């Protein structure tokens, strides 16, 4: 895990899925599929996918194992997959 992951993700200037610009005041959230920052519209599309429940369940388990146990979940990395945040 990179030391600057929090700044890199929280201050992302565009959605990794659709490419739309993200202003500092726009809400963003991490994708359950690839951990990249995405806009809320793309998150809603993600949640509509038939495999979302299974993918998000597996992702949180993996995230907790990799970041919380190994790194004490610095800055709430796993948290940001389910709760929107701003820059």
Protein backbone atom coordinates (compact mmCIF):
# COMPACT_ATOMS: atom_id res chain seq x y z
CA UNK A 1 0.00 0.00 0.00
CA UNK A 2 1.42 3.36 -0.96
CA UNK A 3 2.08 5.88 1.77
CA UNK A 4 0.10 8.57 -0.06
CA UNK A 5 -2.98 6.49 -0.95
CA UNK A 6 -5.35 8.69 1.03
CA UNK A 7 -4.42 11.91 -0.78
CA UNK A 8 -4.30 10.17 -4.16
CA UNK A 9 -7.79 8.71 -3.76
CA UNK A 10 -9.56 11.45 -1.87
CA UNK A 11 -8.35 14.22 -4.17
CA UNK A 12 -8.94 12.37 -7.44
CA UNK A 13 -9.84 14.87 -10.15
CA UNK A 14 -11.83 12.48 -12.32
CA UNK A 15 -13.98 9.38 -12.07
CA UNK A 16 -12.01 6.30 -13.09
CA UNK A 17 -15.11 4.70 -14.66
CA UNK A 18 -16.72 7.43 -16.77
CA UNK A 19 -13.94 10.03 -16.87
CA UNK A 20 -16.13 12.88 -15.59
CA UNK A 21 -14.30 15.58 -13.68
CA UNK A 22 -14.61 15.64 -9.90
CA UNK A 23 -14.50 18.99 -8.15
CA UNK A 24 -13.11 19.06 -4.61
CA UNK A 25 -16.67 19.45 -3.29
CA UNK A 26 -18.07 16.52 -5.32
CA UNK A 27 -18.71 13.32 -3.47
CA UNK A 28 -16.75 10.29 -4.60
CA UNK A 29 -16.47 6.72 -3.39
CA UNK A 30 -14.14 3.80 -3.99
CA UNK A 31 -15.21 1.08 -6.39
CA UNK A 32 -15.81 -2.33 -4.88
CA UNK A 33 -14.41 -3.83 -8.07
CA UNK A 34 -11.03 -2.11 -8.44
CA UNK A 35 -10.64 0.25 -5.43
CA UNK A 36 -10.49 3.31 -7.69
CA UNK A 37 -12.33 6.57 -6.92
CA UNK A 38 -15.58 6.88 -8.85
CA UNK A 39 -18.45 9.36 -8.98
CA UNK A 40 -21.74 8.62 -7.27
CA UNK A 41 -23.52 7.96 -10.59
CA UNK A 42 -21.03 5.22 -11.41
CA UNK A 43 -21.39 3.81 -7.89
CA UNK A 44 -25.15 3.52 -8.42
CA UNK A 45 -24.49 1.66 -11.69
CA UNK A 46 -22.03 -0.58 -9.86
CA UNK A 47 -24.64 -1.38 -7.21
CA UNK A 48 -27.11 -2.42 -9.92
CA UNK A 49 -24.80 -5.12 -11.26
CA UNK A 50 -26.03 -8.65 -10.51
CA UNK A 51 -22.72 -9.64 -8.91
CA UNK A 52 -22.37 -6.52 -6.73
CA UNK A 53 -23.49 -8.11 -3.45
CA UNK A 54 -21.01 -10.95 -3.78
CA UNK A 55 -18.17 -8.74 -5.05
CA UNK A 56 -18.62 -6.14 -2.30
CA UNK A 57 -18.79 -8.83 0.38
CA UNK A 58 -15.59 -10.43 -0.90
CA UNK A 59 -13.93 -7.04 -1.30
CA UNK A 60 -14.58 -5.93 2.28
CA UNK A 61 -13.22 -9.20 3.61
CA UNK A 62 -10.10 -8.87 1.50
CA UNK A 63 -9.74 -5.18 2.31
CA UNK A 64 -9.95 -5.79 6.03
CA UNK A 65 -7.45 -8.61 5.83
CA UNK A 66 -4.99 -6.60 3.75
CA UNK A 67 -5.28 -3.13 5.21
CA UNK A 68 -6.77 -3.28 8.68
CA UNK A 69 -4.84 -6.26 9.93
CA UNK A 70 -1.58 -5.42 8.19
CA UNK A 71 -1.72 -1.62 8.36
CA UNK A 72 -4.33 -0.85 11.07
CA UNK A 73 -6.57 0.49 8.27
CA UNK A 74 -4.86 3.87 7.96
CA UNK A 75 -7.39 6.62 7.38
CA UNK A 76 -10.33 4.27 6.96
CA UNK A 77 -9.44 2.88 3.53
CA UNK A 78 -12.07 0.13 3.67
CA UNK A 79 -14.67 2.57 4.98
CA UNK A 80 -14.44 4.67 1.80
CA UNK A 81 -15.77 1.82 -0.33
CA UNK A 82 -19.19 2.31 1.27
CA UNK A 83 -19.38 5.94 2.40
CA UNK A 84 -18.92 8.91 0.04
CA UNK A 85 -16.22 11.45 0.76
CA UNK A 86 -14.89 14.75 -0.58
CA UNK A 87 -11.40 16.03 -1.24
